Amino acid sequence: MEIKREVLSLVIVGILTGVSYSTHAQEAKEIQPKPEPSQSESGENDFRANIYHEGEFSIDGSAVGVLHSYDFNSAGLNRENYRFGGDVGGSLFATKCLGISGDAFALGGTSRTFVDTVTGNLVFRVPIGDTGLAPYVFGGAGYQFQHIDQIVGGGGVGLEFRIVRHFSIFADARYLAAVKASNYGFARAGVRISF
């Protein structure tokens, strides 16, 4: 009889221990904090969501096409249509949307200077979600060295597509008002490297 009581006691202790262990294991699972969502799940640090950021510096190079420009020749003011060349520039965005830019372009053909025109602009861009697209508007002033030395000023619109974090393609068009000659417009298309 005594052996039966000891065996029964051991069985009861074993059952209670098993139930207690099972209850504690279940409670431990419920108490453990849920893991933080990964960067891509939360969207806060997602690559595409933060592809445009404040404090961004970039350099760019592009092909330029001028609709028309003017030169003084022996007969007076002469219009030259459809001239092409190249452009280099840089920009600095203090915020995600607002920045400054500067560029210099040179056109093919007869030129007494290496750089035809330099401009500085205030730029406002609007990144569209995580698409990599950012339309922008800009305006400013500069100086033309080619053919006619004069101050120019104006603005334009453009679109940038950020393919990866540090590389994008862009295209824009602008219209410049000139002091001494007629106003003119030109378009650019090129690549941009951001840091």
N, C-alpha and C. Protein backbone atom coordinates (compact mmCIF):
# COMPACT_ATOMS: atom_id res chain seq x y z
N MET A 1 0.81 -1.17 0.00
CA MET A 1 0.00 0.00 0.00
C MET A 1 0.86 1.25 0.00
N GLU A 2 1.93 1.19 0.75
CA GLU A 2 2.84 2.32 0.84
C GLU A 2 3.49 2.58 -0.52
N ILE A 3 3.79 1.55 -1.25
CA ILE A 3 4.41 1.71 -2.58
C ILE A 3 3.42 2.35 -3.53
N LYS A 4 2.14 1.95 -3.41
CA LYS A 4 1.13 2.54 -4.28
C LYS A 4 1.02 4.04 -4.03
N ARG A 5 1.08 4.45 -2.74
CA ARG A 5 0.99 5.86 -2.42
C ARG A 5 2.19 6.62 -2.98
N GLU A 6 3.37 6.06 -2.89
CA GLU A 6 4.57 6.73 -3.39
C GLU A 6 4.50 6.86 -4.92
N VAL A 7 4.05 5.79 -5.58
CA VAL A 7 3.94 5.83 -7.05
C VAL A 7 2.88 6.86 -7.44
N LEU A 8 1.74 6.83 -6.71
CA LEU A 8 0.68 7.79 -7.00
C LEU A 8 1.17 9.22 -6.77
N SER A 9 1.93 9.43 -5.70
CA SER A 9 2.49 10.76 -5.41
C SER A 9 3.43 11.20 -6.53
N LEU A 10 4.29 10.29 -7.00
CA LEU A 10 5.22 10.62 -8.09
C LEU A 10 4.46 10.95 -9.37
N VAL A 11 3.40 10.21 -9.66
CA VAL A 11 2.61 10.47 -10.86
C VAL A 11 1.95 11.84 -10.76
N ILE A 12 1.37 12.14 -9.59
CA ILE A 12 0.71 13.44 -9.40
C ILE A 12 1.72 14.57 -9.52
N VAL A 13 2.89 14.44 -8.89
CA VAL A 13 3.94 15.46 -8.99
C VAL A 13 4.39 15.62 -10.44
N GLY A 14 4.54 14.51 -11.15
CA GLY A 14 4.94 14.57 -12.57
C GLY A 14 3.91 15.29 -13.41
N ILE A 15 2.63 14.99 -13.19
CA ILE A 15 1.57 15.64 -13.95
C ILE A 15 1.54 17.13 -13.66
N LEU A 16 1.61 17.49 -12.37
CA LEU A 16 1.59 18.90 -11.99
C LEU A 16 2.80 19.63 -12.57
N THR A 17 3.96 19.00 -12.54
CA THR A 17 5.17 19.61 -13.11
C THR A 17 5.00 19.82 -14.61
N GLY A 18 4.47 18.84 -15.31
CA GLY A 18 4.25 18.95 -16.76
C GLY A 18 3.27 20.05 -17.08
N VAL A 19 2.15 20.12 -16.31
CA VAL A 19 1.16 21.17 -16.54
C VAL A 19 1.76 22.53 -16.26
N SER A 20 2.52 22.62 -15.17
CA SER A 20 3.15 23.89 -14.80
C SER A 20 4.14 24.32 -15.89
N TYR A 21 4.96 23.41 -16.38
CA TYR A 21 5.92 23.72 -17.43
C TYR A 21 5.21 24.17 -18.70
N SER A 22 4.14 23.47 -19.07
CA SER A 22 3.38 23.81 -20.26
C SER A 22 2.76 25.19 -20.14
N THR A 23 2.22 25.50 -18.95
CA THR A 23 1.61 26.81 -18.72
C THR A 23 2.65 27.92 -18.81
N HIS A 24 3.83 27.70 -18.20
CA HIS A 24 4.89 28.72 -18.24
C HIS A 24 5.43 28.90 -19.66
N ALA A 25 5.55 27.84 -20.41
CA ALA A 25 6.04 27.93 -21.79
C ALA A 25 5.05 28.73 -22.64
N GLN A 26 3.74 28.47 -22.44
CA GLN A 26 2.73 29.21 -23.19
C GLN A 26 2.76 30.69 -22.81
N GLU A 27 2.90 31.00 -21.52
CA GLU A 27 2.96 32.39 -21.08
C GLU A 27 4.19 33.10 -21.63
N ALA A 28 5.32 32.38 -21.67
CA ALA A 28 6.55 32.96 -22.20
C ALA A 28 6.39 33.33 -23.67
N LYS A 29 5.69 32.48 -24.43
CA LYS A 29 5.46 32.79 -25.84
C LYS A 29 4.60 34.04 -25.98
N GLU A 30 3.59 34.18 -25.11
CA GLU A 30 2.70 35.33 -25.20
C GLU A 30 3.37 36.62 -24.75
N ILE A 31 4.30 36.54 -23.81
CA ILE A 31 4.96 37.72 -23.26
C ILE A 31 6.05 38.25 -24.19
N GLN A 32 6.69 37.37 -24.94
CA GLN A 32 7.80 37.81 -25.79
C GLN A 32 7.32 38.89 -26.75
N PRO A 33 8.11 40.00 -26.85
CA PRO A 33 7.71 41.08 -27.76
C PRO A 33 7.79 40.61 -29.21
N LYS A 34 6.89 41.18 -29.99
CA LYS A 34 6.91 40.85 -31.41
C LYS A 34 8.14 41.51 -32.04
N PRO A 35 8.77 40.83 -33.00
CA PRO A 35 9.95 41.44 -33.63
C PRO A 35 9.54 42.69 -34.41
N GLU A 36 10.47 43.66 -34.45
CA GLU A 36 10.24 44.89 -35.20
C GLU A 36 10.13 44.55 -36.67
N PRO A 37 9.28 45.26 -37.39
CA PRO A 37 9.20 44.99 -38.83
C PRO A 37 10.52 45.35 -39.50
N SER A 38 10.84 44.61 -40.53
CA SER A 38 12.09 44.88 -41.24
C SER A 38 11.99 46.24 -41.91
N GLN A 39 13.12 46.76 -42.37
CA GLN A 39 13.13 48.08 -42.99
C GLN A 39 12.21 48.14 -44.19
N SER A 40 12.18 47.07 -44.99
CA SER A 40 11.35 47.12 -46.18
C SER A 40 9.87 47.00 -45.84
N GLU A 41 9.51 46.33 -44.72
CA GLU A 41 8.11 46.22 -44.32
C GLU A 41 7.60 47.53 -43.75
N SER A 42 8.43 48.22 -42.98
CA SER A 42 7.97 49.45 -42.33
C SER A 42 7.88 50.61 -43.30
N GLY A 43 8.72 50.63 -44.34
CA GLY A 43 8.71 51.72 -45.30
C GLY A 43 9.49 52.94 -44.82
N GLU A 44 9.81 53.01 -43.51
CA GLU A 44 10.50 54.19 -42.99
C GLU A 44 11.92 54.28 -43.52
N ASN A 45 12.60 53.18 -43.65
CA ASN A 45 13.97 53.19 -44.15
C ASN A 45 14.07 52.50 -45.50
N ASP A 46 12.97 52.40 -46.18
CA ASP A 46 12.94 51.73 -47.46
C ASP A 46 13.78 52.51 -48.47
N PHE A 47 14.53 51.80 -49.29
CA PHE A 47 15.42 52.41 -50.28
C PHE A 47 14.66 53.36 -51.20
N ARG A 48 13.56 52.91 -51.76
CA ARG A 48 12.83 53.73 -52.72
C ARG A 48 12.15 54.92 -52.04
N ALA A 49 11.70 54.73 -50.78
CA ALA A 49 11.00 55.82 -50.10
C ALA A 49 11.95 56.97 -49.77
N ASN A 50 13.20 56.68 -49.50
CA ASN A 50 14.16 57.71 -49.12
C ASN A 50 15.21 57.95 -50.20
N ILE A 51 14.84 57.73 -51.44
CA ILE A 51 15.81 57.85 -52.52
C ILE A 51 16.22 59.31 -52.75
N TYR A 52 15.33 60.25 -52.44
CA TYR A 52 15.66 61.67 -52.46
C TYR A 52 15.74 62.12 -51.01
N HIS A 53 16.79 62.82 -50.64
CA HIS A 53 16.96 63.17 -49.23
C HIS A 53 17.59 64.55 -49.09
N GLU A 54 17.49 65.09 -47.88
CA GLU A 54 18.07 66.41 -47.61
C GLU A 54 19.58 66.31 -47.52
N GLY A 55 20.25 67.41 -47.76
CA GLY A 55 21.70 67.45 -47.72
C GLY A 55 22.34 66.72 -48.89
N GLU A 56 21.61 66.59 -49.98
CA GLU A 56 22.07 65.83 -51.14
C GLU A 56 22.84 66.74 -52.10
N PHE A 57 24.02 66.30 -52.50
CA PHE A 57 24.82 67.02 -53.50
C PHE A 57 24.87 66.14 -54.74
N SER A 58 24.76 66.74 -55.92
CA SER A 58 24.84 65.96 -57.16
C SER A 58 25.59 66.73 -58.23
N ILE A 59 26.14 65.97 -59.16
CA ILE A 59 26.77 66.54 -60.35
C ILE A 59 26.09 65.92 -61.56
N ASP A 60 26.05 66.66 -62.66
CA ASP A 60 25.39 66.12 -63.84
C ASP A 60 26.09 66.55 -65.11
N GLY A 61 25.82 65.79 -66.15
CA GLY A 61 26.30 66.10 -67.49
C GLY A 61 25.18 65.81 -68.46
N SER A 62 25.07 66.65 -69.49
CA SER A 62 23.95 66.47 -70.41
C SER A 62 24.27 66.99 -71.80
N ALA A 63 23.44 66.57 -72.74
CA ALA A 63 23.46 67.13 -74.09
C ALA A 63 22.48 68.30 -74.11
N VAL A 64 22.82 69.34 -74.85
CA VAL A 64 22.00 70.55 -74.90
C VAL A 64 21.61 70.84 -76.34
N GLY A 65 20.38 71.22 -76.52
CA GLY A 65 19.91 71.67 -77.82
C GLY A 65 19.27 73.03 -77.67
N VAL A 66 19.78 74.03 -78.40
CA VAL A 66 19.23 75.39 -78.33
C VAL A 66 18.34 75.60 -79.54
N LEU A 67 17.14 76.09 -79.28
CA LEU A 67 16.19 76.30 -80.38
C LEU A 67 16.69 77.39 -81.32
N HIS A 68 17.17 78.47 -80.77
CA HIS A 68 17.80 79.50 -81.59
C HIS A 68 18.64 80.40 -80.70
N SER A 69 19.67 80.97 -81.28
CA SER A 69 20.50 81.94 -80.57
C SER A 69 20.89 83.03 -81.57
N TYR A 70 21.43 84.10 -81.04
CA TYR A 70 21.72 85.23 -81.90
C TYR A 70 23.19 85.62 -81.83
N ASP A 71 23.69 86.14 -82.92
CA ASP A 71 25.06 86.60 -83.03
C ASP A 71 25.07 87.89 -83.86
N PHE A 72 26.00 88.75 -83.54
CA PHE A 72 26.17 89.93 -84.38
C PHE A 72 27.16 89.60 -85.49
N ASN A 73 26.80 89.87 -86.73
CA ASN A 73 27.73 89.72 -87.84
C ASN A 73 27.80 91.06 -88.59
N SER A 74 28.42 91.07 -89.74
CA SER A 74 28.60 92.34 -90.47
C SER A 74 27.26 92.96 -90.89
N ALA A 75 26.23 92.15 -91.02
CA ALA A 75 24.92 92.65 -91.43
C ALA A 75 24.04 93.00 -90.24
N GLY A 76 24.54 92.84 -89.02
CA GLY A 76 23.73 93.12 -87.83
C GLY A 76 23.44 91.84 -87.06
N LEU A 77 22.25 91.78 -86.48
CA LEU A 77 21.87 90.65 -85.65
C LEU A 77 21.52 89.45 -86.53
N ASN A 78 22.13 88.32 -86.27
CA ASN A 78 21.94 87.12 -87.08
C ASN A 78 21.41 85.99 -86.20
N ARG A 79 20.35 85.33 -86.63
CA ARG A 79 19.77 84.23 -85.88
C ARG A 79 20.36 82.90 -86.33
N GLU A 80 20.78 82.07 -85.37
CA GLU A 80 21.28 80.73 -85.65
C GLU A 80 20.32 79.73 -85.01
N ASN A 81 19.76 78.85 -85.81
CA ASN A 81 18.79 77.89 -85.31
C ASN A 81 19.42 76.54 -84.99
N TYR A 82 18.84 75.87 -84.04
CA TYR A 82 19.15 74.47 -83.73
C TYR A 82 20.65 74.21 -83.54
N ARG A 83 21.19 74.77 -82.52
CA ARG A 83 22.58 74.51 -82.16
C ARG A 83 22.62 73.48 -81.04
N PHE A 84 23.67 72.67 -81.02
CA PHE A 84 23.79 71.59 -80.03
C PHE A 84 25.13 71.67 -79.31
N GLY A 85 25.16 71.15 -78.10
CA GLY A 85 26.39 71.17 -77.33
C GLY A 85 26.27 70.31 -76.09
N GLY A 86 27.04 70.68 -75.07
CA GLY A 86 27.05 69.92 -73.82
C GLY A 86 26.95 70.83 -72.61
N ASP A 87 26.62 70.24 -71.48
CA ASP A 87 26.38 71.00 -70.25
C ASP A 87 26.90 70.20 -69.06
N VAL A 88 27.49 70.89 -68.09
CA VAL A 88 27.86 70.28 -66.81
C VAL A 88 27.28 71.15 -65.70
N GLY A 89 26.93 70.51 -64.61
CA GLY A 89 26.34 71.27 -63.52
C GLY A 89 26.41 70.54 -62.20
N GLY A 90 25.90 71.20 -61.20
CA GLY A 90 25.84 70.61 -59.87
C GLY A 90 24.69 71.21 -59.09
N SER A 91 24.24 70.50 -58.08
CA SER A 91 23.15 71.01 -57.25
C SER A 91 23.33 70.56 -55.81
N LEU A 92 22.73 71.32 -54.91
CA LEU A 92 22.76 71.01 -53.48
C LEU A 92 21.37 71.24 -52.93
N PHE A 93 20.78 70.19 -52.34
CA PHE A 93 19.44 70.28 -51.77
C PHE A 93 19.56 70.33 -50.25
N ALA A 94 19.19 71.47 -49.68
CA ALA A 94 19.22 71.63 -48.23
C ALA A 94 18.08 70.85 -47.58
N THR A 95 16.96 70.73 -48.28
CA THR A 95 15.85 69.90 -47.84
C THR A 95 15.57 68.89 -48.95
N LYS A 96 14.61 68.03 -48.72
CA LYS A 96 14.26 67.02 -49.72
C LYS A 96 13.72 67.67 -51.00
N CYS A 97 13.10 68.84 -50.87
CA CYS A 97 12.43 69.47 -52.01
C CYS A 97 13.07 70.76 -52.50
N LEU A 98 13.85 71.45 -51.69
CA LEU A 98 14.35 72.77 -52.07
C LEU A 98 15.87 72.78 -52.15
N GLY A 99 16.40 73.27 -53.28
CA GLY A 99 17.84 73.31 -53.45
C GLY A 99 18.27 74.41 -54.40
N ILE A 100 19.57 74.47 -54.62
CA ILE A 100 20.15 75.42 -55.57
C ILE A 100 20.97 74.62 -56.59
N SER A 101 21.10 75.17 -57.78
CA SER A 101 21.88 74.49 -58.81
C SER A 101 22.63 75.52 -59.64
N GLY A 102 23.67 75.06 -60.29
CA GLY A 102 24.44 75.87 -61.20
C GLY A 102 24.88 75.02 -62.37
N ASP A 103 24.97 75.61 -63.55
CA ASP A 103 25.43 74.84 -64.71
C ASP A 103 26.08 75.76 -65.72
N ALA A 104 26.86 75.17 -66.58
CA ALA A 104 27.53 75.89 -67.66
C ALA A 104 27.41 75.05 -68.92
N PHE A 105 27.05 75.69 -70.03
CA PHE A 105 26.97 74.93 -71.28
C PHE A 105 27.77 75.59 -72.37
N ALA A 106 28.20 74.74 -73.31
CA ALA A 106 28.94 75.20 -74.48
C ALA A 106 28.28 74.61 -75.71
N LEU A 107 28.18 75.42 -76.76
CA LEU A 107 27.55 74.98 -78.00
C LEU A 107 28.58 74.79 -79.08
N GLY A 108 28.28 73.89 -80.00
CA GLY A 108 29.19 73.67 -81.13
C GLY A 108 29.16 74.84 -82.09
N GLY A 109 30.12 74.88 -82.99
CA GLY A 109 30.19 75.98 -83.96
C GLY A 109 31.31 76.93 -83.60
N THR A 110 31.30 78.05 -84.26
CA THR A 110 32.35 79.05 -84.00
C THR A 110 32.07 79.74 -82.68
N SER A 111 33.05 79.74 -81.83
CA SER A 111 32.89 80.36 -80.51
C SER A 111 34.20 80.99 -80.10
N ARG A 112 34.12 82.17 -79.51
CA ARG A 112 35.34 82.81 -79.02
C ARG A 112 35.62 82.44 -77.57
N THR A 113 34.69 81.73 -76.93
CA THR A 113 34.87 81.30 -75.54
C THR A 113 34.60 79.80 -75.44
N PHE A 114 35.18 79.19 -74.42
CA PHE A 114 34.95 77.76 -74.20
C PHE A 114 33.56 77.52 -73.62
N VAL A 115 33.14 78.37 -72.69
CA VAL A 115 31.81 78.26 -72.07
C VAL A 115 30.93 79.35 -72.67
N ASP A 116 29.74 78.95 -73.12
CA ASP A 116 28.82 79.92 -73.71
C ASP A 116 28.01 80.65 -72.66
N THR A 117 27.40 79.92 -71.73
CA THR A 117 26.52 80.53 -70.74
C THR A 117 26.62 79.79 -69.41
N VAL A 118 26.60 80.53 -68.31
CA VAL A 118 26.53 79.95 -66.97
C VAL A 118 25.27 80.48 -66.30
N THR A 119 24.60 79.62 -65.53
CA THR A 119 23.39 80.03 -64.82
C THR A 119 23.38 79.45 -63.41
N GLY A 120 22.69 80.14 -62.54
CA GLY A 120 22.43 79.66 -61.19
C GLY A 120 20.93 79.69 -60.96
N ASN A 121 20.40 78.67 -60.29
CA ASN A 121 18.95 78.55 -60.15
C ASN A 121 18.54 78.11 -58.76
N LEU A 122 17.34 78.48 -58.38
CA LEU A 122 16.66 77.93 -57.22
C LEU A 122 15.76 76.83 -57.75
N VAL A 123 15.82 75.64 -57.13
CA VAL A 123 15.10 74.47 -57.65
C VAL A 123 14.10 73.97 -56.61
N PHE A 124 12.90 73.67 -57.06
CA PHE A 124 11.88 73.06 -56.21
C PHE A 124 11.46 71.75 -56.87
N ARG A 125 11.71 70.62 -56.19
CA ARG A 125 11.35 69.31 -56.75
C ARG A 125 10.31 68.64 -55.85
N VAL A 126 9.55 67.75 -56.44
CA VAL A 126 8.49 67.04 -55.72
C VAL A 126 8.65 65.54 -55.97
N PRO A 127 9.42 64.83 -55.12
CA PRO A 127 9.53 63.37 -55.29
C PRO A 127 8.16 62.71 -55.14
N ILE A 128 7.84 61.80 -56.05
CA ILE A 128 6.54 61.12 -56.04
C ILE A 128 6.69 59.76 -55.37
N GLY A 129 6.36 59.69 -54.09
CA GLY A 129 6.37 58.43 -53.34
C GLY A 129 7.65 57.65 -53.52
N ASP A 130 7.51 56.36 -53.78
CA ASP A 130 8.68 55.50 -53.96
C ASP A 130 8.88 55.12 -55.43
N THR A 131 8.42 55.98 -56.34
CA THR A 131 8.53 55.69 -57.77
C THR A 131 9.90 56.02 -58.34
N GLY A 132 10.66 56.88 -57.66
CA GLY A 132 11.93 57.34 -58.20
C GLY A 132 11.78 58.56 -59.09
N LEU A 133 10.55 58.99 -59.34
CA LEU A 133 10.30 60.16 -60.18
C LEU A 133 10.23 61.42 -59.33
N ALA A 134 10.79 62.50 -59.86
CA ALA A 134 10.73 63.80 -59.18
C ALA A 134 10.63 64.91 -60.21
N PRO A 135 9.42 65.41 -60.48
CA PRO A 135 9.32 66.59 -61.33
C PRO A 135 9.88 67.81 -60.58
N TYR A 136 10.39 68.78 -61.32
CA TYR A 136 10.95 69.96 -60.66
C TYR A 136 10.73 71.20 -61.52
N VAL A 137 10.73 72.34 -60.84
CA VAL A 137 10.69 73.65 -61.50
C VAL A 137 11.89 74.44 -60.99
N PHE A 138 12.39 75.35 -61.80
CA PHE A 138 13.56 76.12 -61.39
C PHE A 138 13.55 77.48 -62.06
N GLY A 139 14.26 78.39 -61.45
CA GLY A 139 14.38 79.72 -62.01
C GLY A 139 15.61 80.41 -61.46
N GLY A 140 16.18 81.31 -62.26
CA GLY A 140 17.37 82.01 -61.82
C GLY A 140 17.92 82.92 -62.89
N ALA A 141 19.20 83.21 -62.80
CA ALA A 141 19.84 84.13 -63.73
C ALA A 141 21.26 83.66 -64.03
N GLY A 142 21.86 84.24 -65.04
CA GLY A 142 23.22 83.88 -65.41
C GLY A 142 23.82 84.89 -66.36
N TYR A 143 24.90 84.46 -67.01
CA TYR A 143 25.62 85.35 -67.92
C TYR A 143 26.00 84.58 -69.17
N GLN A 144 25.78 85.22 -70.32
CA GLN A 144 26.13 84.62 -71.62
C GLN A 144 27.41 85.26 -72.13
N PHE A 145 28.40 84.43 -72.45
CA PHE A 145 29.68 84.90 -72.97
C PHE A 145 29.76 84.77 -74.48
N GLN A 146 29.00 83.84 -75.05
CA GLN A 146 29.07 83.51 -76.47
C GLN A 146 28.43 84.61 -77.31
N HIS A 147 29.12 85.06 -78.32
CA HIS A 147 28.61 86.02 -79.31
C HIS A 147 28.25 87.37 -78.71
N ILE A 148 27.31 87.39 -77.78
CA ILE A 148 26.87 88.64 -77.16
C ILE A 148 27.06 88.50 -75.66
N ASP A 149 27.88 89.36 -75.07
CA ASP A 149 28.00 89.34 -73.62
C ASP A 149 26.76 89.98 -73.02
N GLN A 150 26.03 89.22 -72.23
CA GLN A 150 24.80 89.75 -71.68
C GLN A 150 24.32 88.94 -70.48
N ILE A 151 23.49 89.57 -69.68
CA ILE A 151 22.84 88.89 -68.55
C ILE A 151 21.59 88.20 -69.09
N VAL A 152 21.37 86.99 -68.61
CA VAL A 152 20.16 86.24 -68.98
C VAL A 152 19.47 85.78 -67.70
N GLY A 153 18.18 85.56 -67.79
CA GLY A 153 17.42 85.08 -66.65
C GLY A 153 16.17 84.38 -67.12
N GLY A 154 15.70 83.44 -66.33
CA GLY A 154 14.50 82.73 -66.73
C GLY A 154 14.26 81.51 -65.86
N GLY A 155 13.54 80.56 -66.40
CA GLY A 155 13.23 79.36 -65.64
C GLY A 155 12.74 78.26 -66.54
N GLY A 156 12.41 77.14 -65.89
CA GLY A 156 11.97 76.00 -66.67
C GLY A 156 11.40 74.89 -65.80
N VAL A 157 11.13 73.77 -66.46
CA VAL A 157 10.57 72.59 -65.81
C VAL A 157 11.38 71.37 -66.23
N GLY A 158 11.36 70.34 -65.38
CA GLY A 158 12.08 69.13 -65.73
C GLY A 158 11.54 67.92 -64.98
N LEU A 159 12.10 66.77 -65.31
CA LEU A 159 11.73 65.52 -64.67
C LEU A 159 12.99 64.68 -64.48
N GLU A 160 13.16 64.19 -63.25
CA GLU A 160 14.29 63.31 -62.93
C GLU A 160 13.76 61.94 -62.57
N PHE A 161 14.45 60.90 -63.02
CA PHE A 161 14.10 59.53 -62.66
C PHE A 161 15.30 58.89 -61.99
N ARG A 162 15.21 58.66 -60.70
CA ARG A 162 16.29 58.06 -59.91
C ARG A 162 16.24 56.55 -60.09
N ILE A 163 17.17 56.01 -60.86
CA ILE A 163 17.19 54.58 -61.16
C ILE A 163 17.66 53.80 -59.94
N VAL A 164 18.78 54.22 -59.37
CA VAL A 164 19.29 53.69 -58.11
C VAL A 164 19.64 54.88 -57.24
N ARG A 165 19.97 54.63 -55.98
CA ARG A 165 20.14 55.72 -55.01
C ARG A 165 21.07 56.83 -55.50
N HIS A 166 22.14 56.51 -56.20
CA HIS A 166 23.13 57.53 -56.57
C HIS A 166 23.18 57.84 -58.06
N PHE A 167 22.23 57.34 -58.85
CA PHE A 167 22.30 57.54 -60.29
C PHE A 167 20.90 57.78 -60.85
N SER A 168 20.77 58.83 -61.66
CA SER A 168 19.48 59.13 -62.27
C SER A 168 19.67 59.71 -63.67
N ILE A 169 18.57 59.72 -64.40
CA ILE A 169 18.54 60.39 -65.70
C ILE A 169 17.54 61.54 -65.57
N PHE A 170 17.72 62.58 -66.38
CA PHE A 170 16.83 63.73 -66.29
C PHE A 170 16.70 64.40 -67.64
N ALA A 171 15.66 65.20 -67.75
CA ALA A 171 15.45 66.05 -68.93
C ALA A 171 14.74 67.30 -68.44
N ASP A 172 15.12 68.44 -68.98
CA ASP A 172 14.42 69.67 -68.65
C ASP A 172 14.49 70.64 -69.82
N ALA A 173 13.64 71.64 -69.74
CA ALA A 173 13.60 72.68 -70.76
C ALA A 173 13.48 74.02 -70.04
N ARG A 174 14.13 75.04 -70.60
CA ARG A 174 14.06 76.36 -69.98
C ARG A 174 13.96 77.45 -71.04
N TYR A 175 13.51 78.58 -70.59
CA TYR A 175 13.40 79.75 -71.44
C TYR A 175 14.17 80.87 -70.78
N LEU A 176 15.09 81.48 -71.53
CA LEU A 176 15.92 82.55 -70.98
C LEU A 176 15.59 83.88 -71.65
N ALA A 177 15.38 84.87 -70.82
CA ALA A 177 15.20 86.22 -71.31
C ALA A 177 16.56 86.89 -71.35
N ALA A 178 16.90 87.51 -72.46
CA ALA A 178 18.21 88.14 -72.64
C ALA A 178 18.07 89.66 -72.61
N VAL A 179 19.12 90.33 -72.17
CA VAL A 179 19.09 91.79 -72.03
C VAL A 179 19.30 92.47 -73.38
N LYS A 180 20.29 92.01 -74.18
CA LYS A 180 20.65 92.71 -75.42
C LYS A 180 20.03 92.10 -76.68
N ALA A 181 19.77 90.80 -76.68
CA ALA A 181 19.24 90.14 -77.87
C ALA A 181 17.88 89.54 -77.54
N SER A 182 17.32 88.83 -78.49
CA SER A 182 16.01 88.21 -78.25
C SER A 182 16.14 87.05 -77.28
N ASN A 183 15.04 86.74 -76.64
CA ASN A 183 14.98 85.61 -75.71
C ASN A 183 15.15 84.30 -76.46
N TYR A 184 15.57 83.26 -75.76
CA TYR A 184 15.74 81.96 -76.40
C TYR A 184 15.49 80.84 -75.40
N GLY A 185 15.26 79.66 -75.93
CA GLY A 185 15.02 78.50 -75.10
C GLY A 185 15.95 77.35 -75.46
N PHE A 186 16.15 76.46 -74.52
CA PHE A 186 16.93 75.25 -74.81
C PHE A 186 16.50 74.11 -73.92
N ALA A 187 16.87 72.92 -74.33
CA ALA A 187 16.52 71.71 -73.59
C ALA A 187 17.77 70.91 -73.28
N ARG A 188 17.73 70.17 -72.17
CA ARG A 188 18.85 69.31 -71.77
C ARG A 188 18.32 67.91 -71.50
N ALA A 189 19.17 66.92 -71.70
CA ALA A 189 18.88 65.54 -71.30
C ALA A 189 20.20 64.91 -70.92
N GLY A 190 20.26 64.26 -69.75
CA GLY A 190 21.53 63.71 -69.33
C GLY A 190 21.43 62.80 -68.12
N VAL A 191 22.56 62.65 -67.45
CA VAL A 191 22.68 61.77 -66.28
C VAL A 191 23.12 62.59 -65.09
N ARG A 192 22.73 62.11 -63.90
CA ARG A 192 23.05 62.82 -62.65
C ARG A 192 23.56 61.80 -61.64
N ILE A 193 24.65 62.14 -60.95
CA ILE A 193 25.22 61.30 -59.90
C ILE A 193 25.06 62.06 -58.58
N SER A 194 24.43 61.42 -57.59
CA SER A 194 24.12 62.07 -56.32
C SER A 194 24.94 61.47 -55.19
N PHE A 195 25.27 62.30 -54.21
CA PHE A 195 26.06 61.87 -53.06
C PHE A 195 25.32 62.17 -51.77
